């Protein structure tokens, strides 16, 4: 059985003010084509389908069109992430038929989707966990203690994930005890210990902790069955978490598919991809990373303005670029000249190579000479003391302000 794992589409997101919907649409076109060419049996989308709880209408239309095209070819399983509204994403989910499943309810997490392969010769169980926010889900995951009273999990991501996985493993154990071994997948949207974060993921910290140990999701070190694959969402860098299972031995492979596009400069070196894997009775077989289209490269450029305008930076001229101008004094028309050189520059900063201040900052109080304070500001911004002409302008402006105050 062939499964395509993806996540963190963040439809509707912008990058430093640049609208990415056109590029997200191109990714969805690519996804449909991969499903068609690779004869994928199911697409798993592990959370953060939208970038916010109430997405724009155009973005909703974009997802609707993508799901229509995908479900003509294969089955699709969606779960909400921490950016999505589980209620809104899961609206009318009970009305969806076998080719589209939106699993947004905590109560359904231990009821797996039984996904058959296209030829009907094999199937897989998919336990689709929505994002488990400790504050809103821990009471719904309460279990009975020895006295029959509800035992509410602690207010932490680890506790609610552990409670959810106890239900999942209990269901998986009962199924494998009464029939042939069927491969199992767990979809989860969480920050797993050991994962490498980026700048663009929203903080999900609760009680000072945001991470879940991998063993909680994989079941390693516990009695009972474990899933064969954990399809993770939340972190934007494609990566394996935990050890690579040894061929022919029981084990769980856990991967983040990562986001299809870069949503921060911390992701400029990511090789964005989706995960295409084959599942059989023995677990995970072949795994392949399918590269996603890169609409425009992200890069950084640093140097004096003269250097940045030289042919040395020709290769970055069309990038989405973060520019740092290192001249000691701020060049005239800095922003306009940089944008003429790099028309897709997203960030332009003046960062002098030589530190501008020679000592600790001094407090600005009513006792300070305003002209002295403005001179320090000019020094801080430009790297040099104001010239005589600039001092005269500053003094004239200050005296004009005093005169206006006196005449008010």
Protein backbone atom coordinates (compact mmCIF):
# COMPACT_ATOMS: atom_id res chain seq x y z
CA UNK A 1 0.00 0.00 0.00
CA UNK A 2 1.35 3.44 -0.98
CA UNK A 3 0.77 6.41 1.31
CA UNK A 4 1.73 10.04 0.76
CA UNK A 5 2.35 11.94 4.00
CA UNK A 6 2.24 15.73 4.02
CA UNK A 7 1.39 18.45 6.54
CA UNK A 8 1.60 22.12 7.48
CA UNK A 9 0.20 23.58 4.29
CA UNK A 10 -0.73 26.79 6.16
CA UNK A 11 -3.01 27.87 3.33
CA UNK A 12 -3.42 31.64 3.46
CA UNK A 13 -0.06 32.37 5.04
CA UNK A 14 2.14 35.23 3.90
CA UNK A 15 5.93 35.59 3.94
CA UNK A 16 6.99 39.03 5.16
CA UNK A 17 3.88 40.48 3.54
CA UNK A 18 4.11 38.48 0.30
CA UNK A 19 0.92 36.61 -0.59
CA UNK A 20 1.77 32.93 -1.08
CA UNK A 21 -1.61 31.64 -2.28
CA UNK A 22 -0.40 31.38 -5.89
CA UNK A 23 2.57 29.29 -4.80
CA UNK A 24 0.44 27.17 -2.47
CA UNK A 25 -1.88 26.52 -5.39
CA UNK A 26 1.11 25.36 -7.45
CA UNK A 27 2.06 22.97 -4.65
CA UNK A 28 -1.45 21.50 -4.63
CA UNK A 29 -1.25 21.01 -8.40
CA UNK A 30 2.04 19.19 -7.84
CA UNK A 31 0.47 17.03 -5.12
CA UNK A 32 -2.37 15.95 -7.40
CA UNK A 33 0.13 15.02 -10.10
CA UNK A 34 2.25 12.97 -7.66
CA UNK A 35 -0.86 11.06 -6.56
CA UNK A 36 -1.73 10.37 -10.19
CA UNK A 37 1.74 9.27 -11.29
CA UNK A 38 2.61 7.24 -8.19
CA UNK A 39 -0.80 5.60 -7.85
CA UNK A 40 -1.06 6.64 -4.22
CA UNK A 41 -3.64 4.78 -2.13
CA UNK A 42 -4.07 7.51 0.52
CA UNK A 43 -2.90 11.05 1.28
CA UNK A 44 -2.42 11.91 4.97
CA UNK A 45 -2.37 15.61 5.92
CA UNK A 46 -1.14 15.89 9.52
CA UNK A 47 -2.52 19.24 10.61
CA UNK A 48 -2.25 22.98 9.97
CA UNK A 49 -4.12 22.77 6.70
CA UNK A 50 -5.08 26.43 7.12
CA UNK A 51 -2.88 29.10 8.66
CA UNK A 52 -5.61 30.46 10.92
CA UNK A 53 -8.86 29.43 12.50
CA UNK A 54 -10.99 31.59 10.18
CA UNK A 55 -9.37 31.47 6.73
CA UNK A 56 -10.28 33.82 3.86
CA UNK A 57 -12.96 32.65 1.44
CA UNK A 58 -10.45 32.36 -1.42
CA UNK A 59 -8.34 30.00 0.68
CA UNK A 60 -11.35 27.85 1.55
CA UNK A 61 -12.11 27.65 -2.17
CA UNK A 62 -8.50 26.64 -2.85
CA UNK A 63 -8.71 23.74 -0.39
CA UNK A 64 -12.12 22.68 -1.72
CA UNK A 65 -10.80 22.50 -5.27
CA UNK A 66 -7.72 20.55 -4.18
CA UNK A 67 -9.78 18.01 -2.23
CA UNK A 68 -12.16 17.53 -5.14
CA UNK A 69 -9.26 16.71 -7.46
CA UNK A 70 -7.45 14.51 -4.94
CA UNK A 71 -10.52 12.47 -4.04
CA UNK A 72 -11.11 11.71 -7.70
CA UNK A 73 -7.82 9.79 -7.54
CA UNK A 74 -7.38 8.56 -3.96
CA UNK A 75 -8.47 8.76 -0.33
CA UNK A 76 -7.56 11.78 1.81
CA UNK A 77 -7.32 11.99 5.59
CA UNK A 78 -7.12 15.45 7.21
CA UNK A 79 -6.53 16.35 10.84
CA UNK A 80 -6.46 19.83 12.40
CA UNK A 81 -3.27 21.31 13.83
CA UNK A 82 -2.70 24.08 16.33
CA UNK A 83 -3.35 26.74 13.65
CA UNK A 84 -6.63 25.23 12.49
CA UNK A 85 -10.01 25.41 14.15
CA UNK A 86 -10.92 21.76 14.76
CA UNK A 87 -14.60 22.72 14.84
CA UNK A 88 -14.53 24.61 11.55
CA UNK A 89 -12.23 22.21 9.70
CA UNK A 90 -14.34 19.30 10.92
CA UNK A 91 -17.69 20.89 10.04
CA UNK A 92 -19.95 18.33 8.33
CA UNK A 93 -17.24 15.66 8.61
CA UNK A 94 -19.87 12.93 9.32
CA UNK A 95 -21.36 13.66 5.90
CA UNK A 96 -18.12 12.95 4.06
CA UNK A 97 -17.87 9.60 2.36
CA UNK A 98 -15.07 7.07 2.12
CA UNK A 99 -12.69 9.08 -0.06
CA UNK A 100 -12.47 12.03 2.36
CA UNK A 101 -12.13 11.82 6.12
CA UNK A 102 -11.64 14.81 8.42
CA UNK A 103 -10.80 13.58 11.90
CA UNK A 104 -11.26 16.57 14.20
CA UNK A 105 -12.95 14.98 17.25
CA UNK A 106 -10.96 13.66 20.19
CA UNK A 107 -13.63 11.02 20.72
CA UNK A 108 -12.78 9.40 17.35
CA UNK A 109 -9.02 9.06 17.77
CA UNK A 110 -9.10 5.37 18.74
CA UNK A 111 -11.48 4.49 15.90
CA UNK A 112 -9.12 3.89 12.98
CA UNK A 113 -9.79 4.43 9.33
CA UNK A 114 -9.43 1.16 7.44
CA UNK A 115 -7.84 2.14 4.15
CA UNK A 116 -7.73 -0.51 1.43
CA UNK A 117 -5.15 -0.49 -1.32
CA UNK A 118 -6.27 0.19 -4.87
CA UNK A 119 -6.11 -3.50 -5.79
CA UNK A 120 -7.91 -4.54 -2.62
CA UNK A 121 -5.09 -6.88 -1.73
CA UNK A 122 -4.01 -5.10 1.47
CA UNK A 123 -5.08 -2.39 3.84
CA UNK A 124 -3.78 -0.18 6.63
CA UNK A 125 -5.21 1.20 9.82
CA UNK A 126 -4.85 4.95 10.27
CA UNK A 127 -5.34 6.42 13.74
CA UNK A 128 -5.79 10.12 13.05
CA UNK A 129 -5.14 12.23 16.15
CA UNK A 130 -6.21 15.88 15.96
CA UNK A 131 -3.99 18.44 17.67
CA UNK A 132 -4.33 17.72 21.40
CA UNK A 133 -4.28 21.02 23.25
CA UNK A 134 -3.91 20.10 26.94
CA UNK A 135 -6.30 22.79 28.18
CA UNK A 136 -9.17 21.78 25.89
CA UNK A 137 -8.72 18.01 25.58
CA UNK A 138 -7.43 16.58 28.86
CA UNK A 139 -10.88 16.36 30.47
CA UNK A 140 -12.19 14.56 27.38
CA UNK A 141 -9.34 12.06 27.71
CA UNK A 142 -10.04 11.26 31.36
CA UNK A 143 -9.81 7.59 32.38
CA UNK A 144 -11.23 5.79 35.38
CA UNK A 145 -8.94 5.21 38.33
CA UNK A 146 -9.06 2.15 40.59
CA UNK A 147 -12.04 3.59 42.43
CA UNK A 148 -14.00 4.29 39.26
CA UNK A 149 -13.49 8.04 39.51
CA UNK A 150 -12.36 10.02 36.44
CA UNK A 151 -8.59 10.52 36.35
CA UNK A 152 -7.87 13.62 34.29
CA UNK A 153 -4.44 13.70 32.59
CA UNK A 154 -2.01 16.35 33.78
CA UNK A 155 -1.90 19.71 32.00
CA UNK A 156 0.88 18.84 29.58
CA UNK A 157 1.33 17.71 26.00
CA UNK A 158 3.00 14.50 27.14
CA UNK A 159 0.11 13.57 29.43
CA UNK A 160 -2.67 14.06 26.87
CA UNK A 161 -0.68 12.31 24.13
CA UNK A 162 -0.05 9.37 26.46
CA UNK A 163 -3.75 9.14 27.32
CA UNK A 164 -4.66 9.21 23.62
CA UNK A 165 -2.11 6.54 22.73
CA UNK A 166 -3.31 4.21 25.48
CA UNK A 167 -6.66 4.17 23.71
CA UNK A 168 -5.02 3.67 20.32
CA UNK A 169 -2.82 0.79 21.46
CA UNK A 170 -5.74 -0.91 23.19
CA UNK A 171 -7.75 -0.86 19.96
CA UNK A 172 -4.77 -1.99 17.88
CA UNK A 173 -4.07 -4.86 20.29
CA UNK A 174 -7.63 -6.13 20.06
CA UNK A 175 -7.57 -6.02 16.25
CA UNK A 176 -4.23 -7.79 15.90
CA UNK A 177 -5.24 -10.42 18.44
CA UNK A 178 -8.20 -11.55 16.37
CA UNK A 179 -6.87 -11.37 12.83
CA UNK A 180 -3.80 -11.09 10.62
CA UNK A 181 -1.28 -8.37 11.29
CA UNK A 182 -2.39 -5.17 9.59
CA UNK A 183 0.05 -2.24 9.34
CA UNK A 184 -0.89 0.76 11.46
CA UNK A 185 -0.19 4.48 11.10
CA UNK A 186 -0.62 7.18 13.73
CA UNK A 187 -1.10 10.77 12.58
CA UNK A 188 -0.11 13.36 15.21
CA UNK A 189 0.46 17.09 15.31
CA UNK A 190 3.00 17.69 18.07
CA UNK A 191 6.51 18.83 18.93
CA UNK A 192 8.37 15.57 19.46
CA UNK A 193 11.52 15.59 21.57
CA UNK A 194 14.55 15.63 19.29
CA UNK A 195 12.86 17.45 16.42
CA UNK A 196 14.57 20.50 14.92
CA UNK A 197 12.33 23.56 15.08
CA UNK A 198 12.15 26.60 12.79
CA UNK A 199 11.20 30.22 13.46
CA UNK A 200 7.81 29.92 11.78
CA UNK A 201 6.09 27.37 14.05
CA UNK A 202 3.69 28.83 16.58
CA UNK A 203 4.70 28.29 20.19
CA UNK A 204 2.53 25.58 21.78
CA UNK A 205 4.14 25.68 25.21
CA UNK A 206 1.92 24.77 28.16
CA UNK A 207 3.28 24.94 31.67
CA UNK A 208 6.72 25.74 30.29
CA UNK A 209 6.92 22.52 28.22
CA UNK A 210 5.95 22.01 24.58
CA UNK A 211 7.43 18.61 23.72
CA UNK A 212 6.26 15.00 23.69
CA UNK A 213 8.78 12.13 24.01
CA UNK A 214 8.78 9.93 20.90
CA UNK A 215 8.23 6.81 23.01
CA UNK A 216 4.78 8.11 23.93
CA UNK A 217 3.71 7.98 20.28
CA UNK A 218 5.72 4.96 19.17
CA UNK A 219 5.03 2.80 22.21
CA UNK A 220 8.69 1.79 22.46
CA UNK A 221 9.47 0.14 25.77
CA UNK A 222 5.83 -0.66 26.53
CA UNK A 223 3.86 -3.87 26.36
CA UNK A 224 1.50 -4.27 23.46
CA UNK A 225 1.63 -3.39 19.77
CA UNK A 226 3.20 -0.29 18.27
CA UNK A 227 2.32 1.60 15.09
CA UNK A 228 4.54 1.02 12.08
CA UNK A 229 4.66 4.68 11.08
CA UNK A 230 4.03 7.96 12.88
CA UNK A 231 3.08 10.70 10.41
CA UNK A 232 3.99 13.90 12.21
CA UNK A 233 3.00 17.50 11.64
CA UNK A 234 3.95 20.82 13.29
CA UNK A 235 7.68 21.19 12.62
CA UNK A 236 8.39 22.71 9.21
CA UNK A 237 11.68 20.95 8.50
CA UNK A 238 11.40 17.50 6.87
CA UNK A 239 13.16 15.07 9.20
CA UNK A 240 13.15 11.66 10.78
CA UNK A 241 12.76 11.60 14.56
CA UNK A 242 14.26 8.73 16.49
CA UNK A 243 16.12 5.70 15.13
CA UNK A 244 15.71 4.15 11.73
CA UNK A 245 13.98 0.76 12.21
CA UNK A 246 16.09 -2.24 11.26
CA UNK A 247 14.76 -4.09 8.22
CA UNK A 248 12.96 -7.27 9.17
CA UNK A 249 12.64 -6.30 12.84
CA UNK A 250 9.67 -4.69 14.59
CA UNK A 251 9.98 -0.96 15.03
CA UNK A 252 8.32 2.38 14.40
CA UNK A 253 9.44 4.94 11.85
CA UNK A 254 8.51 8.52 12.77
CA UNK A 255 8.89 11.41 10.32
CA UNK A 256 7.89 15.03 9.90
CA UNK A 257 6.99 15.70 6.30
CA UNK A 258 7.62 19.40 6.91
CA UNK A 259 5.84 22.31 5.29
CA UNK A 260 5.67 22.37 1.48
CA UNK A 261 6.94 25.97 1.34
CA UNK A 262 9.44 27.91 3.43
CA UNK A 263 7.65 30.25 5.83
CA UNK A 264 10.71 31.89 7.42
CA UNK A 265 14.36 32.55 6.62
CA UNK A 266 15.30 29.83 9.12
CA UNK A 267 13.98 27.38 6.49
CA UNK A 268 16.12 28.62 3.60
CA UNK A 269 18.26 25.48 3.60
CA UNK A 270 15.37 23.01 3.90
CA UNK A 271 14.79 20.58 1.04
CA UNK A 272 10.98 20.70 1.10
CA UNK A 273 9.28 17.41 0.32
CA UNK A 274 6.43 14.98 0.95
CA UNK A 275 6.95 11.43 2.22
CA UNK A 276 5.95 8.56 -0.05
CA UNK A 277 6.05 5.20 1.73
CA UNK A 278 5.01 1.65 1.10
CA UNK A 279 3.29 -0.31 3.87
CA UNK A 280 2.88 -4.06 4.07
CA UNK A 281 2.10 -6.71 6.63
CA UNK A 282 5.68 -6.47 7.88
CA UNK A 283 5.52 -2.70 8.37
CA UNK A 284 7.19 0.13 6.46
CA UNK A 285 8.96 -0.87 3.26
CA UNK A 286 10.37 1.65 0.82
CA UNK A 287 10.44 5.34 1.84
CA UNK A 288 11.00 8.13 -0.67
CA UNK A 289 11.08 11.91 -0.22
CA UNK A 290 9.29 13.61 -3.11
CA UNK A 291 10.64 17.17 -3.61
CA UNK A 292 8.03 19.94 -3.75
CA UNK A 293 8.26 22.88 -6.17
CA UNK A 294 10.33 25.82 -4.96
CA UNK A 295 8.66 29.04 -6.18
CA UNK A 296 11.60 31.27 -5.35
CA UNK A 297 14.78 30.64 -3.40
CA UNK A 298 15.34 32.27 0.01
CA UNK A 299 18.80 33.62 0.74
CA UNK A 300 20.75 36.20 2.71
CA UNK A 301 23.07 38.90 1.39
CA UNK A 302 25.42 40.91 3.58
CA UNK A 303 28.00 43.53 2.72
CA UNK A 304 28.56 47.21 2.08
CA UNK A 305 26.12 48.82 -0.33
CA UNK A 306 28.87 49.03 -2.95
CA UNK A 307 29.52 45.30 -2.60
CA UNK A 308 25.82 44.44 -2.76
CA UNK A 309 25.42 46.42 -5.98
CA UNK A 310 28.39 44.63 -7.57
CA UNK A 311 28.20 41.55 -9.86
CA UNK A 312 29.24 39.37 -6.88
CA UNK A 313 25.55 39.17 -5.87
CA UNK A 314 24.07 38.61 -9.34
CA UNK A 315 23.07 35.04 -8.46
CA UNK A 316 20.76 36.31 -5.71
CA UNK A 317 19.18 39.15 -7.63
CA UNK A 318 15.83 37.32 -8.07
CA UNK A 319 15.74 35.59 -4.67
CA UNK A 320 13.52 36.35 -1.76
CA UNK A 321 16.42 37.84 0.11
CA UNK A 322 17.19 39.26 3.53
CA UNK A 323 19.72 42.05 3.03
CA UNK A 324 22.10 43.42 5.66
CA UNK A 325 23.96 46.60 4.66
CA UNK A 326 27.17 46.87 6.67
CA UNK A 327 28.36 50.43 5.88
CA UNK A 328 29.37 52.28 9.03
CA UNK A 329 27.21 55.25 8.08
CA UNK A 330 23.74 54.65 6.70
CA UNK A 331 23.90 55.19 2.91
CA UNK A 332 21.56 57.70 1.34
CA UNK A 333 18.40 56.20 -0.23
CA UNK A 334 19.37 52.84 1.23
CA UNK A 335 16.03 51.07 0.84
CA UNK A 336 15.33 52.28 -2.70
CA UNK A 337 18.79 51.34 -3.95
CA UNK A 338 18.63 47.87 -2.39
CA UNK A 339 15.15 47.23 -3.83
CA UNK A 340 16.36 48.28 -7.27
CA UNK A 341 19.13 45.67 -6.96
CA UNK A 342 17.00 42.98 -5.31
CA UNK A 343 13.39 43.52 -6.46
CA UNK A 344 12.14 40.65 -4.25
CA UNK A 345 13.98 41.70 -1.09
CA UNK A 346 11.78 40.92 1.91
CA UNK A 347 13.96 42.37 4.68
CA UNK A 348 16.41 45.28 4.40
CA UNK A 349 18.50 46.12 7.46
CA UNK A 350 21.32 48.52 8.20
CA UNK A 351 23.76 46.56 10.37
CA UNK A 352 27.12 48.34 10.60
CA UNK A 353 30.06 45.94 10.73
CA UNK A 354 31.68 48.14 13.40
CA UNK A 355 29.72 48.44 16.67
CA UNK A 356 28.07 51.83 16.84
CA UNK A 357 28.16 52.38 20.58
CA UNK A 358 31.26 52.35 22.68
CA UNK A 359 29.65 51.78 26.05
CA UNK A 360 26.47 50.96 27.91
CA UNK A 361 23.31 52.86 27.07
CA UNK A 362 22.57 55.90 29.18
CA UNK A 363 19.13 56.58 30.59
CA UNK A 364 17.18 59.40 28.98
CA UNK A 365 15.69 61.58 31.69
CA UNK A 366 14.32 65.10 31.87
CA UNK A 367 17.70 66.22 33.16
CA UNK A 368 19.48 65.23 29.93
CA UNK A 369 20.24 67.84 27.30
CA UNK A 370 17.85 67.09 24.39
CA UNK A 371 20.49 68.07 21.85
CA UNK A 372 22.91 65.64 23.46
CA UNK A 373 20.29 62.87 23.26
CA UNK A 374 19.62 63.55 19.57
CA UNK A 375 23.34 63.57 18.85
CA UNK A 376 23.63 60.14 20.50
CA UNK A 377 20.73 58.92 18.38
CA UNK A 378 22.45 60.06 15.18
CA UNK A 379 25.62 58.29 16.38
CA UNK A 380 23.65 55.10 17.05
CA UNK A 381 21.91 55.09 13.67
CA UNK A 382 24.69 56.27 11.37
CA UNK A 383 27.84 55.25 13.20
CA UNK A 384 29.18 58.81 13.22
CA UNK A 385 28.58 62.02 15.16
CA UNK A 386 26.36 64.62 13.50
CA UNK A 387 28.13 67.10 11.27
CA UNK A 388 28.05 70.80 11.99
CA UNK A 389 25.26 71.27 9.45
CA UNK A 390 23.22 68.40 10.99
CA UNK A 391 23.78 69.83 14.46
CA UNK A 392 22.48 73.19 13.24
CA UNK A 393 19.33 71.52 11.83
CA UNK A 394 18.75 69.62 15.07
CA UNK A 395 19.23 72.78 17.13
CA UNK A 396 16.84 74.76 14.91
CA UNK A 397 14.21 72.02 15.16
CA UNK A 398 14.56 71.90 18.94
CA UNK A 399 14.29 75.65 19.29
CA UNK A 400 11.26 75.72 16.99
CA UNK A 401 9.57 73.08 19.17
CA UNK A 402 10.30 75.14 22.29
CA UNK A 403 8.92 78.27 20.63
CA UNK A 404 5.74 76.43 19.59
CA UNK A 405 5.30 75.14 23.13
CA UNK A 406 5.69 78.65 24.60
CA UNK A 407 3.16 80.13 22.22
CA UNK A 408 0.58 77.38 22.74
